[in-house]
């Protein structure tokens, strides 16, 4: 008898816990967060060709960055890309590409270099005709000197891709 009473209490306790879990899981699915601070009226964005003011001397970087920005924004989906007169305009300038020798000790040969790419960006509200923000984005990476100029250029492209992702995050999150 004592065993049956305890078993009934235990079964009721299990029912209570399971019911609570089902309710908690069900309620948690009712909330969603887009994570975007893009105003509702901004549906389109124009991304003019990136300007390369770096004097680094490789013209393909501006085209690569332009295409990377367009691709990144298309994949994310908050905006439709318009060639001209979007609700927002994103103007990007590669302002600096800096190659640095790493610290060496006496007798040591240089093996790697650090590349830093800085972009100046203006995010413009073309509906209300005002600048939302102007920011600088900078990332860096290293490449092996033994791999030559192709490794250097691929490293710069990867840094530009990282900058494009940072720019996207800043636009959609408002930071």
Protein backbone atom coordinates (compact mmCIF):
# COMPACT_ATOMS: atom_id res chain seq x y z
CA UNK A 1 0.00 0.00 0.00
CA UNK A 2 2.75 2.41 0.99
CA UNK A 3 4.59 1.51 -2.21
CA UNK A 4 1.53 2.28 -4.39
CA UNK A 5 1.00 5.69 -2.76
CA UNK A 6 4.61 6.65 -3.37
CA UNK A 7 4.40 5.36 -6.93
CA UNK A 8 1.29 7.50 -7.57
CA UNK A 9 3.04 10.58 -6.14
CA UNK A 10 6.10 9.86 -8.26
CA UNK A 11 3.99 9.44 -11.43
CA UNK A 12 2.12 12.70 -10.70
CA UNK A 13 5.46 14.46 -10.16
CA UNK A 14 6.77 13.13 -13.50
CA UNK A 15 3.56 14.29 -15.24
CA UNK A 16 3.98 17.75 -13.70
CA UNK A 17 7.62 18.03 -14.81
CA UNK A 18 6.87 16.81 -18.35
CA UNK A 19 3.90 19.15 -18.68
CA UNK A 20 6.03 22.07 -17.47
CA UNK A 21 8.73 21.20 -20.00
CA UNK A 22 6.22 20.99 -22.85
CA UNK A 23 4.77 24.38 -21.93
CA UNK A 24 8.23 25.96 -21.59
CA UNK A 25 9.35 24.64 -24.98
CA UNK A 26 6.08 25.68 -26.61
CA UNK A 27 6.22 29.21 -25.22
CA UNK A 28 9.87 29.67 -26.18
CA UNK A 29 8.97 29.13 -29.84
CA UNK A 30 6.57 32.08 -29.77
CA UNK A 31 9.36 34.66 -29.60
CA UNK A 32 11.60 35.57 -32.49
CA UNK A 33 14.32 38.15 -32.97
CA UNK A 34 15.39 39.41 -36.35
CA UNK A 35 18.45 41.15 -34.94
CA UNK A 36 18.24 43.95 -37.45
CA UNK A 37 18.20 47.67 -36.86
CA UNK A 38 17.47 48.46 -40.50
CA UNK A 39 14.49 50.85 -40.67
CA UNK A 40 11.36 49.36 -42.26
CA UNK A 41 11.35 51.85 -45.13
CA UNK A 42 14.83 50.74 -46.26
CA UNK A 43 14.23 47.90 -48.67
CA UNK A 44 16.98 48.53 -51.25
CA UNK A 45 20.65 49.42 -51.14
CA UNK A 46 23.02 50.74 -53.79
CA UNK A 47 26.68 49.81 -53.58
CA UNK A 48 28.72 51.94 -56.00
CA UNK A 49 32.07 50.64 -57.23
CA UNK A 50 34.56 50.68 -54.36
CA UNK A 51 37.23 53.38 -54.61
CA UNK A 52 40.83 52.25 -54.12
CA UNK A 53 42.75 55.15 -52.58
CA UNK A 54 45.40 52.87 -51.09
CA UNK A 55 48.15 53.50 -53.70
CA UNK A 56 48.99 49.79 -53.37
CA UNK A 57 48.79 49.47 -57.13
CA UNK A 58 46.53 46.44 -57.67
CA UNK A 59 43.33 47.61 -59.41
CA UNK A 60 41.57 44.25 -59.05
CA UNK A 61 41.07 44.83 -55.30
CA UNK A 62 38.38 47.51 -55.78
CA UNK A 63 36.41 45.23 -58.10
CA UNK A 64 36.86 42.27 -55.77
CA UNK A 65 35.62 44.31 -52.79
CA UNK A 66 32.64 45.65 -54.76
CA UNK A 67 31.60 42.14 -55.79
CA UNK A 68 32.19 40.79 -52.28
CA UNK A 69 29.97 43.48 -50.73
CA UNK A 70 27.17 42.86 -53.23
CA UNK A 71 27.39 39.09 -52.72
CA UNK A 72 27.48 39.42 -48.92
CA UNK A 73 24.41 41.68 -48.84
CA UNK A 74 22.51 39.46 -51.30
CA UNK A 75 23.17 36.34 -49.21
CA UNK A 76 22.05 38.06 -45.99
CA UNK A 77 18.80 39.25 -47.56
CA UNK A 78 17.89 42.38 -45.56
CA UNK A 79 18.17 44.52 -48.71
CA UNK A 80 17.58 44.14 -52.41
CA UNK A 81 20.52 45.44 -54.42
CA UNK A 82 19.77 48.34 -56.76
CA UNK A 83 22.31 49.70 -59.16
CA UNK A 84 21.21 53.30 -58.62
CA UNK A 85 19.15 55.24 -56.11
CA UNK A 86 18.59 52.59 -53.45
CA UNK A 87 16.86 53.53 -50.21
CA UNK A 88 20.35 53.30 -48.70
CA UNK A 89 23.72 53.94 -50.32
CA UNK A 90 26.88 52.26 -49.09
CA UNK A 91 30.03 54.06 -50.24
CA UNK A 92 33.28 52.21 -49.57
CA UNK A 93 36.86 53.31 -50.06
CA UNK A 94 39.92 51.12 -49.55
CA UNK A 95 41.97 53.76 -47.78
CA UNK A 96 45.07 51.78 -46.87
CA UNK A 97 46.77 48.47 -47.55
CA UNK A 98 49.80 48.19 -45.34
CA UNK A 99 52.43 45.48 -45.48
CA UNK A 100 54.62 45.14 -42.38
CA UNK A 101 57.81 43.23 -41.71
CA UNK A 102 57.53 41.10 -38.59
CA UNK A 103 59.99 41.60 -35.76
CA UNK A 104 63.19 39.70 -36.43
CA UNK A 105 66.14 38.84 -34.25
CA UNK A 106 69.72 39.15 -35.49
CA UNK A 107 70.51 36.58 -38.14
CA UNK A 108 66.88 35.53 -38.59
CA UNK A 109 65.36 35.53 -42.08
CA UNK A 110 61.98 37.08 -42.70
CA UNK A 111 59.35 34.38 -43.29
CA UNK A 112 56.02 36.15 -42.91
CA UNK A 113 54.54 39.56 -43.42
CA UNK A 114 51.50 41.15 -41.88
CA UNK A 115 48.98 42.82 -44.18
CA UNK A 116 46.41 45.28 -42.82
CA UNK A 117 43.56 46.57 -44.98
CA UNK A 118 41.53 49.59 -43.89
CA UNK A 119 38.27 50.69 -45.51
CA UNK A 120 36.40 53.95 -44.93
CA UNK A 121 32.65 53.48 -45.23
CA UNK A 122 29.66 55.81 -45.39
CA UNK A 123 26.16 54.41 -44.85
CA UNK A 124 23.66 56.93 -46.24
CA UNK A 125 19.87 57.10 -45.84
CA UNK A 126 18.82 58.11 -49.35
CA UNK A 127 15.15 58.45 -48.35
CA UNK A 128 15.72 61.03 -45.60
CA UNK A 129 18.89 62.39 -47.25
CA UNK A 130 21.18 61.99 -44.24
CA UNK A 131 24.31 60.09 -43.26
CA UNK A 132 23.53 57.24 -40.86
CA UNK A 133 27.20 56.66 -40.02
CA UNK A 134 30.75 56.91 -41.26
CA UNK A 135 33.19 54.29 -39.98
CA UNK A 136 36.57 52.77 -40.54
CA UNK A 137 36.92 48.98 -40.84
CA UNK A 138 40.29 47.30 -40.53
CA UNK A 139 41.41 43.68 -40.53
CA UNK A 140 44.77 41.98 -40.87
CA UNK A 141 46.34 38.64 -41.64
CA UNK A 142 49.75 37.10 -42.34
CA UNK A 143 51.17 35.45 -45.42
CA UNK A 144 54.30 33.40 -46.08
CA UNK A 145 56.86 35.22 -48.18
CA UNK A 146 57.94 31.96 -49.79
CA UNK A 147 54.49 31.71 -51.42
CA UNK A 148 55.07 34.98 -53.32
CA UNK A 149 52.77 37.68 -54.65
CA UNK A 150 49.87 35.34 -55.32
CA UNK A 151 49.74 34.46 -51.59
CA UNK A 152 49.94 38.16 -50.72
CA UNK A 153 47.06 38.99 -53.07
CA UNK A 154 44.93 36.08 -51.82
CA UNK A 155 45.56 37.23 -48.25
CA UNK A 156 44.42 40.75 -49.16
CA UNK A 157 41.27 39.32 -50.76
CA UNK A 158 40.51 37.34 -47.59
CA UNK A 159 40.95 40.50 -45.51
CA UNK A 160 38.63 42.39 -47.89
CA UNK A 161 36.07 39.61 -47.46
CA UNK A 162 36.35 39.96 -43.66
CA UNK A 163 35.88 43.73 -43.99
CA UNK A 164 32.79 43.16 -46.16
CA UNK A 165 31.31 40.90 -43.47
CA UNK A 166 32.07 43.46 -40.76
CA UNK A 167 30.46 46.20 -42.85
CA UNK A 168 27.33 44.08 -43.34
CA UNK A 169 27.09 43.37 -39.61
CA UNK A 170 27.46 47.06 -38.82
CA UNK A 171 24.71 47.99 -41.29
CA UNK A 172 22.17 45.42 -40.13
CA UNK A 173 22.91 45.57 -36.40
CA UNK A 174 23.53 49.28 -36.02
CA UNK A 175 26.84 48.97 -34.21
